[in-house]
Amino acid sequence: MYRSRLLAMASIGLMAAMGAEAQTFDEALALAELSNPNMDVGRTQAEIAREALEEARAQGRTTVTLGASAGYESSDSNRLFTIQTGDRPLATAQIEAARPVYTGGRISAGVRAAEAGIDAADARLEALRQSLYYDTITAFLNVTAARATVDIRENNVRVLDEQVRAANARFDVGFITRTDVALSQARLAGAHAGLASAEAELERVAASFESLTGVRPGELGPVPPLPMLPESFETALDDLLELNPQLIAAREDERAATEAVDVAKAGGRPSVEIVGRAEGQQEFNDNFYDTSVTAMARGSVPLFQGGLVSSQVRSAKLRREQARLQVQAAERDLRANLAAAWYGFEAAKRAIEASERQIEAAEIAFNGAQQELGVGTRTTLDVLDSEQDLLNARLSLVNAERDANLAAYQILTLTGQLTRDRILPGAVMP
């Protein structure tokens, strides 16, 4: 809890210091980790798992119990021989210490299960952190791409607006027909609609960024270069099977379920403990007192439990099998996701190269069409089509660059390597 309060104070300080200032890639990740409440939930779960280990260990330690009573006794009898009658105050006290010696493996199995629970909780916290990083990176890249899209479409509106004015001027001198003017006006109206849609998308992704970091996106810093990825798909797959925190958590759950089977079996085994007891009784009227000290070994052997232990064992085995199947299901899903991200990244890289070549060609075609329109060898529709091709090429490049980045960071997430040290070497957590 103390750590959570420190993180909350640091988050408030960082957000206050930044305000509406520029946010770098690193600052966005820091804000997300410090301010997102899901991270506090994950940290609390990890602390709960550690307390469960202490509880499991405590079952194998010595326990000491102190008991006392005080009261007033009144006794009367008409028997001929009576040891004592009358009224008397009395008090008793007892202290007992007990230490388990043999529990059928219940305590040791419980400790191992709790240790597996800690490893699973830590892995889930790391999975949560890396998932939060990926979501924040996605929001950062989406805002960057949406702003670039808005800029491109605003430029498109300006270009088409100029073309409408030029079309009207040419119509006035009889160079083109009313149809050409209408085509230009239709394209301009479509450009305004496209700009409105792009601005709405920018607001949507900005709201997503704010929900993750707690602040509105300011003047975002540059997108860092693509991170270093595994050299091949096979290497990435090996990293996934070894490092993916979700898979690690599932395996630790299976280990804990396996230990739980031994805990259940121990319920049908003998148990032995060493017990030491000291007790005393004081009668105040006669100033009598009795004391005794006892040391013994106490054992118990379950003989009949109505099928409870056997049912608990079967249930524990079923949970172990369920955990094993969950590991297999997680591996399959993660393999499929890695393949989609890996080959999606390869496709995005090729799309970037194609879009860059397309932009070069579209710019030449658009400039040529404008010049040829002036000498009458091209029509207005030819120019509008060339301008639309250039617009589409520029938008395709923006989307391809974003998709390549997202696929790369998803690969790192799936292989358990989306850490600040990996994607931002030298970055220091505020």
Protein backbone atom coordinates (compact mmCIF):
# COMPACT_ATOMS: atom_id res chain seq x y z
CA MET A 1 0.00 0.00 0.00
CA TYR A 2 2.86 2.39 0.76
CA ARG A 3 4.31 1.74 -2.71
CA SER A 4 0.91 2.41 -4.27
CA ARG A 5 0.66 5.77 -2.51
CA LEU A 6 4.16 6.71 -3.67
CA LEU A 7 3.27 5.81 -7.24
CA ALA A 8 0.06 7.81 -7.04
CA MET A 9 1.94 10.87 -5.73
CA ALA A 10 4.56 10.49 -8.45
CA SER A 11 1.81 10.23 -11.07
CA ILE A 12 0.14 13.43 -9.86
CA GLY A 13 3.47 15.24 -9.83
CA LEU A 14 4.38 14.07 -13.33
CA MET A 15 0.99 15.03 -14.76
CA ALA A 16 1.12 18.42 -13.08
CA ALA A 17 4.63 19.03 -14.41
CA MET A 18 3.62 18.08 -17.93
CA GLY A 19 0.19 19.69 -18.07
CA ALA A 20 -0.46 20.41 -21.71
CA GLU A 21 3.22 20.28 -22.63
CA ALA A 22 4.71 17.93 -25.18
CA GLN A 23 4.65 14.24 -24.38
CA THR A 24 7.46 12.04 -25.54
CA PHE A 25 7.18 8.33 -26.17
CA ASP A 26 8.87 7.68 -22.83
CA GLU A 27 6.62 10.09 -20.92
CA ALA A 28 3.50 8.44 -22.31
CA LEU A 29 4.64 5.03 -21.03
CA ALA A 30 5.56 6.49 -17.63
CA LEU A 31 2.20 8.21 -17.27
CA ALA A 32 0.33 5.04 -18.19
CA GLU A 33 2.20 2.91 -15.67
CA LEU A 34 1.91 5.44 -12.87
CA SER A 35 -1.70 6.51 -13.31
CA ASN A 36 -3.50 3.44 -14.63
CA PRO A 37 -5.54 1.81 -11.80
CA ASN A 38 -5.18 -1.67 -13.30
CA MET A 39 -1.49 -1.61 -12.39
CA ASP A 40 -2.42 -1.02 -8.75
CA VAL A 41 -4.78 -3.99 -8.95
CA GLY A 42 -1.95 -6.16 -10.27
CA ARG A 43 0.47 -4.98 -7.59
CA THR A 44 -2.11 -5.71 -4.88
CA GLN A 45 -2.63 -9.22 -6.26
CA ALA A 46 1.12 -9.81 -6.07
CA GLU A 47 1.15 -8.63 -2.43
CA ILE A 48 -1.79 -10.92 -1.62
CA ALA A 49 0.13 -13.87 -3.10
CA ARG A 50 3.10 -13.10 -0.86
CA GLU A 51 0.87 -13.04 2.19
CA ALA A 52 -0.52 -16.43 1.15
CA LEU A 53 3.03 -17.79 1.30
CA GLU A 54 3.45 -16.46 4.84
CA GLU A 55 0.18 -18.13 5.82
CA ALA A 56 1.36 -21.44 4.37
CA ARG A 57 4.69 -21.26 6.19
CA ALA A 58 3.01 -20.30 9.45
CA GLN A 59 1.18 -23.66 9.53
CA GLY A 60 4.52 -25.40 10.10
CA ARG A 61 5.69 -23.13 12.91
CA THR A 62 5.25 -23.39 16.67
CA THR A 63 2.03 -21.99 18.06
CA VAL A 64 1.60 -20.86 21.66
CA THR A 65 -1.81 -20.48 23.29
CA LEU A 66 -2.51 -18.88 26.65
CA GLY A 67 -5.80 -19.51 28.43
CA ALA A 68 -7.07 -18.28 31.78
CA SER A 69 -10.27 -18.25 33.78
CA ALA A 70 -11.41 -16.78 37.08
CA GLY A 71 -14.63 -17.33 39.00
CA TYR A 72 -16.49 -18.06 42.18
CA GLU A 73 -17.57 -21.56 43.18
CA SER A 74 -20.24 -22.46 45.72
CA SER A 75 -20.80 -26.10 46.66
CA ASP A 76 -22.99 -27.91 49.25
CA SER A 77 -23.68 -31.61 49.91
CA ASN A 78 -25.55 -33.81 52.40
CA ARG A 79 -23.20 -36.70 51.92
CA LEU A 80 -21.39 -38.08 54.97
CA PHE A 81 -17.97 -37.69 53.48
CA THR A 82 -17.49 -34.51 51.51
CA ILE A 83 -14.11 -33.21 50.58
CA GLN A 84 -15.00 -29.56 50.53
CA THR A 85 -18.12 -27.47 50.68
CA GLY A 86 -18.73 -23.79 50.88
CA ASP A 87 -17.92 -20.79 48.80
CA ARG A 88 -14.51 -20.05 47.34
CA PRO A 89 -12.99 -17.93 44.59
CA LEU A 90 -10.63 -19.71 42.22
CA ALA A 91 -8.56 -19.05 39.11
CA THR A 92 -6.86 -21.25 36.54
CA ALA A 93 -4.26 -20.53 33.86
CA GLN A 94 -2.86 -22.68 31.07
CA ILE A 95 -0.23 -22.18 28.40
CA GLU A 96 0.28 -24.65 25.57
CA ALA A 97 2.89 -24.78 22.81
CA ALA A 98 2.52 -27.10 19.82
CA ARG A 99 4.71 -27.73 16.81
CA PRO A 100 3.78 -29.96 13.87
CA VAL A 101 6.28 -32.74 13.23
CA TYR A 102 4.57 -34.67 10.46
CA THR A 103 1.51 -33.58 8.46
CA GLY A 104 1.58 -36.03 5.60
CA GLY A 105 3.24 -33.46 3.34
CA ARG A 106 0.38 -30.96 3.65
CA ILE A 107 2.44 -28.01 4.85
CA SER A 108 5.37 -28.45 2.46
CA ALA A 109 2.99 -28.88 -0.49
CA GLY A 110 1.05 -25.80 0.63
CA VAL A 111 4.27 -23.76 0.73
CA ARG A 112 5.24 -24.90 -2.76
CA ALA A 113 1.75 -24.06 -4.04
CA ALA A 114 1.99 -20.58 -2.50
CA GLU A 115 5.42 -20.04 -4.08
CA ALA A 116 3.94 -20.97 -7.45
CA GLY A 117 1.14 -18.52 -6.74
CA ILE A 118 3.67 -15.73 -6.21
CA ASP A 119 5.42 -16.53 -9.48
CA ALA A 120 2.06 -16.56 -11.26
CA ALA A 121 1.05 -13.21 -9.72
CA ASP A 122 4.37 -11.64 -10.68
CA ALA A 123 4.03 -12.96 -14.23
CA ARG A 124 0.50 -11.58 -14.48
CA LEU A 125 1.70 -8.20 -13.25
CA GLU A 126 4.39 -8.19 -15.92
CA ALA A 127 1.84 -9.25 -18.54
CA LEU A 128 -0.41 -6.41 -17.40
CA ARG A 129 2.47 -3.94 -17.61
CA GLN A 130 3.47 -5.02 -21.11
CA SER A 131 -0.15 -5.02 -22.28
CA LEU A 132 -0.53 -1.50 -20.90
CA TYR A 133 2.66 -0.46 -22.70
CA TYR A 134 1.31 -1.88 -25.94
CA ASP A 135 -2.05 -0.15 -25.53
CA THR A 136 -0.28 3.14 -24.78
CA ILE A 137 2.03 2.76 -27.76
CA THR A 138 -0.99 1.98 -29.91
CA ALA A 139 -2.73 5.15 -28.70
CA PHE A 140 0.45 7.19 -29.26
CA LEU A 141 0.87 5.89 -32.81
CA ASN A 142 -2.83 6.28 -33.56
CA VAL A 143 -2.80 9.92 -32.48
CA THR A 144 0.33 10.56 -34.54
CA ALA A 145 -1.18 8.87 -37.60
CA ALA A 146 -4.55 10.59 -37.13
CA ARG A 147 -2.88 14.00 -36.98
CA ALA A 148 -0.91 13.22 -40.12
CA THR A 149 -4.13 12.12 -41.80
CA VAL A 150 -5.85 15.37 -40.82
CA ASP A 151 -2.92 17.38 -42.22
CA ILE A 152 -3.04 15.45 -45.50
CA ARG A 153 -6.78 15.92 -45.84
CA GLU A 154 -6.59 19.61 -44.97
CA ASN A 155 -4.02 20.01 -47.71
CA ASN A 156 -6.30 18.07 -50.03
CA VAL A 157 -9.15 20.51 -49.26
CA ARG A 158 -6.89 23.47 -50.01
CA VAL A 159 -5.76 21.96 -53.32
CA LEU A 160 -9.31 21.11 -54.41
CA ASP A 161 -10.57 24.51 -53.34
CA GLU A 162 -7.98 26.08 -55.62
CA GLN A 163 -8.98 23.73 -58.41
CA VAL A 164 -12.64 24.75 -58.05
CA ARG A 165 -11.68 28.41 -58.36
CA ALA A 166 -9.52 27.60 -61.37
CA ALA A 167 -12.32 25.55 -62.93
CA ASN A 168 -14.76 28.43 -62.52
CA ALA A 169 -12.27 30.80 -64.15
CA ARG A 170 -11.77 28.45 -67.10
CA PHE A 171 -15.51 27.99 -67.41
CA ASP A 172 -16.02 31.73 -67.54
CA VAL A 173 -13.73 32.00 -70.57
CA GLY A 174 -15.24 28.94 -72.20
CA PHE A 175 -12.31 26.55 -71.86
CA ILE A 176 -14.30 23.88 -69.93
CA THR A 177 -17.91 22.90 -69.46
CA ARG A 178 -20.26 23.11 -66.50
CA THR A 179 -19.68 19.39 -66.01
CA ASP A 180 -16.00 19.98 -65.26
CA VAL A 181 -16.91 22.59 -62.66
CA ALA A 182 -19.43 20.22 -61.06
CA LEU A 183 -16.80 17.47 -60.91
CA SER A 184 -14.42 19.78 -59.08
CA GLN A 185 -17.12 20.89 -56.65
CA ALA A 186 -18.12 17.27 -55.97
CA ARG A 187 -14.53 16.31 -55.20
CA LEU A 188 -14.21 19.33 -52.88
CA ALA A 189 -17.36 18.33 -51.00
CA GLY A 190 -16.00 14.80 -50.67
CA ALA A 191 -12.72 16.19 -49.36
CA HIS A 192 -14.58 18.16 -46.67
CA ALA A 193 -16.41 14.98 -45.67
CA GLY A 194 -13.14 13.07 -45.51
CA LEU A 195 -11.61 15.82 -43.36
CA ALA A 196 -14.56 15.75 -40.96
CA SER A 197 -14.21 11.98 -40.63
CA ALA A 198 -10.46 12.30 -40.00
CA GLU A 199 -11.04 14.94 -37.32
CA ALA A 200 -13.60 12.71 -35.61
CA GLU A 201 -11.13 9.81 -35.67
CA LEU A 202 -8.48 12.08 -34.14
CA GLU A 203 -10.82 12.94 -31.26
CA ARG A 204 -11.54 9.25 -30.71
CA VAL A 205 -7.90 8.19 -30.50
CA ALA A 206 -7.07 11.25 -28.38
CA ALA A 207 -9.73 10.14 -25.88
CA SER A 208 -8.18 6.66 -25.83
CA PHE A 209 -4.76 8.20 -25.14
CA GLU A 210 -6.22 10.23 -22.28
CA SER A 211 -7.93 7.20 -20.74
CA LEU A 212 -4.59 5.38 -20.63
CA THR A 213 -2.30 8.21 -19.49
CA GLY A 214 -4.66 10.55 -17.65
CA VAL A 215 -3.76 13.55 -19.86
CA ARG A 216 -4.81 14.84 -23.24
CA PRO A 217 -2.19 14.32 -25.95
CA GLY A 218 -0.17 17.49 -26.37
CA GLU A 219 2.47 18.07 -29.01
CA LEU A 220 3.64 14.47 -29.22
CA GLY A 221 7.31 13.76 -29.63
CA PRO A 222 8.72 11.78 -32.54
CA VAL A 223 8.04 8.07 -32.93
CA PRO A 224 11.29 6.23 -32.07
CA PRO A 225 12.91 3.91 -34.59
CA LEU A 226 11.55 0.40 -34.86
CA PRO A 227 12.81 -1.76 -31.96
CA MET A 228 15.18 -4.67 -32.46
CA LEU A 229 13.17 -7.77 -33.22
CA PRO A 230 14.09 -11.48 -33.12
CA GLU A 231 16.08 -12.48 -36.17
CA SER A 232 13.56 -15.05 -37.39
CA PHE A 233 10.05 -16.32 -36.73
CA GLU A 234 11.48 -19.50 -35.17
CA THR A 235 13.57 -17.42 -32.76
CA ALA A 236 10.54 -15.33 -31.91
CA LEU A 237 8.54 -18.49 -31.25
CA ASP A 238 11.25 -19.81 -28.91
CA ASP A 239 11.21 -16.48 -27.05
CA LEU A 240 7.43 -16.64 -26.76
CA LEU A 241 7.46 -20.13 -25.24
CA GLU A 242 10.15 -19.11 -22.77
CA LEU A 243 9.40 -15.48 -21.89
CA ASN A 244 5.74 -14.70 -22.51
CA PRO A 245 4.40 -13.69 -19.05
CA GLN A 246 0.87 -14.94 -19.74
CA LEU A 247 2.26 -18.37 -20.56
CA ILE A 248 4.53 -18.29 -17.52
CA ALA A 249 1.54 -17.45 -15.31
CA ALA A 250 -0.47 -20.33 -16.78
CA ARG A 251 2.39 -22.75 -16.14
CA GLU A 252 2.74 -21.55 -12.55
CA ASP A 253 -1.00 -22.04 -12.10
CA GLU A 254 -0.52 -25.63 -13.26
CA ARG A 255 2.33 -26.08 -10.78
CA ALA A 256 0.19 -24.70 -7.95
CA ALA A 257 -2.65 -27.04 -8.97
CA THR A 258 -0.24 -29.99 -8.89
CA GLU A 259 0.85 -29.11 -5.35
CA ALA A 260 -2.81 -28.73 -4.37
CA VAL A 261 -3.28 -32.42 -5.17
CA ASP A 262 -0.65 -33.30 -2.54
CA VAL A 263 -2.35 -30.96 -0.07
CA ALA A 264 -5.62 -32.79 -0.61
CA LYS A 265 -4.01 -36.22 -0.27
CA ALA A 266 -2.43 -35.19 3.04
CA GLY A 267 -5.91 -34.89 4.52
CA GLY A 268 -6.11 -38.68 4.68
CA ARG A 269 -2.67 -39.25 6.20
CA PRO A 270 -1.56 -39.39 9.86
CA SER A 271 -0.29 -36.27 11.58
CA VAL A 272 2.02 -35.86 14.56
CA GLU A 273 2.80 -32.84 16.71
CA ILE A 274 4.84 -32.13 19.83
CA VAL A 275 2.85 -30.47 22.60
CA GLY A 276 4.05 -28.83 25.79
CA ARG A 277 1.56 -27.64 28.40
CA ALA A 278 1.84 -25.90 31.76
CA GLU A 279 -1.24 -25.18 33.90
CA GLY A 280 -2.10 -24.08 37.39
CA GLN A 281 -5.15 -23.57 39.64
CA GLN A 282 -5.41 -21.28 42.68
CA GLU A 283 -8.06 -21.47 45.45
CA PHE A 284 -7.89 -18.17 47.31
CA ASN A 285 -9.81 -19.05 50.50
CA ASP A 286 -7.53 -21.92 51.55
CA ASN A 287 -4.52 -20.60 49.64
CA PHE A 288 -4.25 -23.92 47.81
CA TYR A 289 -2.78 -24.16 44.36
CA ASP A 290 -2.08 -26.98 41.90
CA THR A 291 0.41 -26.88 39.01
CA SER A 292 1.35 -29.35 36.32
CA VAL A 293 3.75 -29.47 33.36
CA THR A 294 3.22 -31.87 30.48
CA ALA A 295 5.24 -32.69 27.36
CA MET A 296 3.91 -35.19 24.86
CA ALA A 297 3.67 -36.25 21.28
CA ARG A 298 0.14 -36.16 19.95
CA GLY A 299 -0.85 -37.99 16.81
CA SER A 300 -4.01 -38.64 14.86
CA VAL A 301 -4.90 -41.09 12.13
CA PRO A 302 -7.98 -40.48 9.96
CA LEU A 303 -10.04 -43.65 9.81
CA PHE A 304 -13.28 -42.66 8.15
CA GLN A 305 -14.19 -39.26 6.72
CA GLY A 306 -17.30 -40.03 4.73
CA GLY A 307 -15.53 -39.76 1.36
CA LEU A 308 -14.53 -36.10 1.92
CA VAL A 309 -10.79 -36.55 1.34
CA SER A 310 -11.20 -38.75 -1.73
CA SER A 311 -13.60 -36.18 -3.22
CA GLN A 312 -11.14 -33.37 -2.48
CA VAL A 313 -8.35 -35.33 -4.18
CA ARG A 314 -10.45 -35.95 -7.26
CA SER A 315 -11.44 -32.28 -7.40
CA ALA A 316 -7.79 -31.19 -7.08
CA LYS A 317 -6.79 -33.54 -9.89
CA LEU A 318 -9.51 -32.11 -12.11
CA ARG A 319 -8.27 -28.58 -11.42
CA ARG A 320 -4.75 -29.72 -12.26
CA GLU A 321 -5.99 -31.13 -15.57
CA GLN A 322 -7.91 -27.92 -16.23
CA ALA A 323 -4.74 -25.88 -15.62
CA ARG A 324 -2.77 -28.14 -17.99
CA LEU A 325 -5.36 -27.65 -20.73
CA GLN A 326 -5.30 -23.90 -20.17
CA VAL A 327 -1.54 -23.92 -20.76
CA GLN A 328 -2.07 -25.75 -24.05
CA ALA A 329 -4.84 -23.36 -25.11
CA ALA A 330 -2.69 -20.34 -24.25
CA GLU A 331 0.22 -21.71 -26.28
CA ARG A 332 -1.99 -22.23 -29.33
CA ASP A 333 -3.53 -18.77 -29.16
CA LEU A 334 -0.17 -17.07 -28.63
CA ARG A 335 1.43 -18.99 -31.51
CA ALA A 336 -1.39 -17.88 -33.83
CA ASN A 337 -1.13 -14.27 -32.64
CA LEU A 338 2.64 -14.29 -33.15
CA ALA A 339 2.30 -15.61 -36.68
CA ALA A 340 -0.26 -12.90 -37.51
CA ALA A 341 1.95 -10.17 -36.04
CA TRP A 342 5.15 -11.46 -37.65
CA TYR A 343 3.79 -11.75 -41.17
CA GLY A 344 1.72 -8.61 -40.71
CA PHE A 345 4.95 -6.79 -39.98
CA GLU A 346 6.54 -8.18 -43.13
CA ALA A 347 3.51 -7.10 -45.16
CA ALA A 348 3.56 -3.62 -43.62
CA LYS A 349 7.23 -3.17 -44.51
CA ARG A 350 6.48 -4.04 -48.13
CA ALA A 351 3.48 -1.70 -48.06
CA ILE A 352 5.73 1.15 -46.88
CA GLU A 353 8.11 0.60 -49.79
CA ALA A 354 5.23 0.36 -52.27
CA SER A 355 3.54 3.48 -50.88
CA GLU A 356 6.75 5.49 -51.13
CA ARG A 357 7.15 4.50 -54.77
CA GLN A 358 3.47 5.19 -55.36
CA ILE A 359 3.80 8.70 -53.90
CA GLU A 360 6.74 9.49 -56.16
CA ALA A 361 4.83 8.33 -59.23
CA ALA A 362 1.57 10.00 -58.18
CA GLU A 363 3.32 13.34 -57.60
CA ILE A 364 4.82 13.22 -61.10
CA ALA A 365 1.47 12.22 -62.60
CA PHE A 366 -0.42 14.97 -60.72
CA ASN A 367 2.04 17.72 -61.65
CA GLY A 368 2.06 16.54 -65.27
CA ALA A 369 -1.72 16.41 -65.43
CA GLN A 370 -1.97 19.97 -64.15
CA GLN A 371 0.46 21.21 -66.77
CA GLU A 372 -1.24 19.25 -69.54
CA LEU A 373 -4.61 20.62 -68.45
CA GLY A 374 -3.29 24.09 -69.12
CA VAL A 375 -2.50 23.23 -72.75
CA GLY A 376 -5.70 21.28 -73.28
CA THR A 377 -4.31 17.74 -73.54
CA ARG A 378 -5.84 16.64 -70.21
CA THR A 379 -9.32 17.03 -68.80
CA THR A 380 -10.39 18.23 -65.37
CA LEU A 381 -11.35 14.67 -64.48
CA ASP A 382 -7.81 13.51 -65.28
CA VAL A 383 -6.39 16.07 -62.84
CA LEU A 384 -8.90 15.17 -60.15
CA ASP A 385 -8.14 11.47 -60.53
CA SER A 386 -4.40 12.15 -60.31
CA GLU A 387 -4.90 14.22 -57.18
CA GLN A 388 -7.02 11.44 -55.63
CA ASP A 389 -4.29 8.89 -56.42
CA LEU A 390 -1.73 11.08 -54.68
CA LEU A 391 -4.01 11.50 -51.67
CA ASN A 392 -4.56 7.75 -51.40
CA ALA A 393 -0.84 7.06 -51.68
CA ARG A 394 -0.01 9.50 -48.86
CA LEU A 395 -2.71 8.05 -46.62
CA SER A 396 -1.52 4.52 -47.41
CA LEU A 397 2.01 5.44 -46.32
CA VAL A 398 0.77 6.86 -43.01
CA ASN A 399 -1.26 3.73 -42.31
CA ALA A 400 1.51 1.36 -43.39
CA GLU A 401 4.04 3.05 -41.11
CA ARG A 402 1.64 2.85 -38.18
CA ASP A 403 0.82 -0.80 -38.94
CA ALA A 404 4.52 -1.72 -39.13
CA ASN A 405 5.17 -0.13 -35.75
CA LEU A 406 2.16 -1.77 -34.13
CA ALA A 407 3.09 -5.19 -35.50
CA ALA A 408 6.67 -4.80 -34.27
CA TYR A 409 5.57 -3.87 -30.75
CA GLN A 410 3.02 -6.67 -30.73
CA ILE A 411 5.82 -9.12 -31.55
CA LEU A 412 7.75 -7.81 -28.56
CA THR A 413 4.65 -8.10 -26.38
CA LEU A 414 4.04 -11.71 -27.41
CA THR A 415 7.68 -12.65 -26.84
CA GLY A 416 7.65 -11.03 -23.39
CA GLN A 417 10.18 -8.36 -24.36
CA LEU A 418 8.12 -5.16 -24.38
CA THR A 419 10.10 -3.60 -21.55
CA ARG A 420 11.27 -0.01 -21.26
CA ASP A 421 14.89 -1.15 -21.33
CA ARG A 422 14.26 -2.96 -24.61
CA ILE A 423 12.28 -0.30 -26.46
CA LEU A 424 13.87 2.77 -24.86
CA PRO A 425 17.46 1.94 -23.83
CA GLY A 426 18.64 4.23 -21.05
CA ALA A 427 15.13 5.35 -20.09
CA VAL A 428 14.69 5.94 -16.34
CA MET A 429 11.38 5.40 -14.65
CA PRO A 430 10.25 8.66 -12.95
